[in-house]
C-alpha atoms as a PDB file:
ATOM      1  CA  UNK A   1       0.000   0.000   0.000  1.00  0.00           C
ATOM      2  CA  UNK A   2       1.403   3.372  -0.996  1.00  0.00           C
ATOM      3  CA  UNK A   3       1.908   6.086   1.591  1.00  0.00           C
ATOM      4  CA  UNK A   4      -0.150   9.276   1.551  1.00  0.00           C
ATOM      5  CA  UNK A   5       2.906  11.174   0.343  1.00  0.00           C
ATOM      6  CA  UNK A   6       3.314   8.849  -2.641  1.00  0.00           C
ATOM      7  CA  UNK A   7      -0.397   9.152  -3.432  1.00  0.00           C
ATOM      8  CA  UNK A   8      -0.144  12.957  -3.339  1.00  0.00           C
ATOM      9  CA  UNK A   9       2.820  12.871  -5.721  1.00  0.00           C
ATOM     10  CA  UNK A  10       0.734  10.880  -8.197  1.00  0.00           C
ATOM     11  CA  UNK A  11      -2.123  13.386  -7.942  1.00  0.00           C
ATOM     12  CA  UNK A  12       0.243  16.334  -8.449  1.00  0.00           C
ATOM     13  CA  UNK A  13       1.756  14.658 -11.509  1.00  0.00           C
ATOM     14  CA  UNK A  14      -1.712  14.201 -13.010  1.00  0.00           C
ATOM     15  CA  UNK A  15      -2.765  17.831 -12.478  1.00  0.00           C
ATOM     16  CA  UNK A  16       0.594  19.484 -13.233  1.00  0.00           C
ATOM     17  CA  UNK A  17      -0.647  20.642 -16.653  1.00  0.00           C
ATOM     18  CA  UNK A  18      -2.958  23.173 -14.952  1.00  0.00           C
ATOM     19  CA  UNK A  19      -1.460  25.753 -12.573  1.00  0.00           C
ATOM     20  CA  UNK A  20      -4.693  26.327 -10.639  1.00  0.00           C
ATOM     21  CA  UNK A  21      -5.392  22.624 -10.119  1.00  0.00           C
ATOM     22  CA  UNK A  22      -1.776  22.021  -9.151  1.00  0.00           C
ATOM     23  CA  UNK A  23      -1.909  24.777  -6.532  1.00  0.00           C
ATOM     24  CA  UNK A  24      -5.262  23.580  -5.180  1.00  0.00           C
ATOM     25  CA  UNK A  25      -4.052  20.002  -4.768  1.00  0.00           C
ATOM     26  CA  UNK A  26      -0.714  21.117  -3.330  1.00  0.00           C
ATOM     27  CA  UNK A  27      -2.391  23.276  -0.668  1.00  0.00           C
ATOM     28  CA  UNK A  28      -4.703  20.391   0.224  1.00  0.00           C
ATOM     29  CA  UNK A  29      -1.718  18.053   0.491  1.00  0.00           C
ATOM     30  CA  UNK A  30       0.202  20.398   2.773  1.00  0.00           C
ATOM     31  CA  UNK A  31      -2.761  20.481   5.175  1.00  0.00           C
ATOM     32  CA  UNK A  32      -2.974  16.668   5.225  1.00  0.00           C
ATOM     33  CA  UNK A  33       0.673  15.766   5.732  1.00  0.00           C
ATOM     34  CA  UNK A  34       2.880  15.737   8.799  1.00  0.00           C
ATOM     35  CA  UNK A  35       5.656  18.395   8.920  1.00  0.00           C
ATOM     36  CA  UNK A  36       8.424  15.936   7.975  1.00  0.00           C
ATOM     37  CA  UNK A  37       6.383  14.762   4.978  1.00  0.00           C
ATOM     38  CA  UNK A  38       5.758  18.375   3.932  1.00  0.00           C
ATOM     39  CA  UNK A  39       9.530  18.918   3.829  1.00  0.00           C
ATOM     40  CA  UNK A  40       9.955  15.855   1.619  1.00  0.00           C
ATOM     41  CA  UNK A  41       7.100  16.995  -0.608  1.00  0.00           C
ATOM     42  CA  UNK A  42       8.643  20.464  -0.844  1.00  0.00           C
ATOM     43  CA  UNK A  43      11.967  19.026  -2.033  1.00  0.00           C
ATOM     44  CA  UNK A  44      10.248  16.750  -4.532  1.00  0.00           C
ATOM     45  CA  UNK A  45       8.091  19.586  -5.889  1.00  0.00           C
ATOM     46  CA  UNK A  46      11.024  21.927  -6.432  1.00  0.00           C
ATOM     47  CA  UNK A  47      13.026  19.151  -8.135  1.00  0.00           C
ATOM     48  CA  UNK A  48      10.188  18.155 -10.446  1.00  0.00           C
ATOM     49  CA  UNK A  49       8.139  21.325 -10.928  1.00  0.00           C
ATOM     50  CA  UNK A  50      10.455  24.193  -9.982  1.00  0.00           C
ATOM     51  CA  UNK A  51      10.740  25.348 -13.580  1.00  0.00           C
ATOM     52  CA  UNK A  52       7.059  24.956 -14.425  1.00  0.00           C
ATOM     53  CA  UNK A  53       5.347  26.138 -11.217  1.00  0.00           C
ATOM     54  CA  UNK A  54       7.960  28.181  -9.350  1.00  0.00           C
ATOM     55  CA  UNK A  55       5.527  30.947  -8.345  1.00  0.00           C
ATOM     56  CA  UNK A  56       3.026  28.420  -6.979  1.00  0.00           C
ATOM     57  CA  UNK A  57       5.720  26.602  -5.040  1.00  0.00           C
ATOM     58  CA  UNK A  58       7.065  29.828  -3.576  1.00  0.00           C
ATOM     59  CA  UNK A  59       3.534  30.754  -2.449  1.00  0.00           C
ATOM     60  CA  UNK A  60       2.770  27.358  -0.957  1.00  0.00           C
ATOM     61  CA  UNK A  61       6.188  26.818   0.626  1.00  0.00           C
ATOM     62  CA  UNK A  62       7.265  30.213   1.966  1.00  0.00           C
ATOM     63  CA  UNK A  63      10.886  30.494   3.020  1.00  0.00           C
ATOM     64  CA  UNK A  64      11.400  30.026   6.738  1.00  0.00           C
ATOM     65  CA  UNK A  65      11.855  33.258   8.625  1.00  0.00           C
ATOM     66  CA  UNK A  66      15.485  34.286   9.034  1.00  0.00           C
ATOM     67  CA  UNK A  67      14.628  36.242  12.161  1.00  0.00           C
ATOM     68  CA  UNK A  68      15.776  34.525  15.294  1.00  0.00           C
END
């Protein structure tokens, strides 16, 4: 049985042709996953869709605050 993270990756691959669908599914996924899984998803998304959906990824995965 595939993990939730693997299932989400499949969904994102299927909707990657449409920016709005991709963002909708990505936001839903981030709400569903545990923090460690979100980090893994973030890395995977930037590796696979950084060129195509960079603005969406930057909105969904804001940079951590540099303030201490």
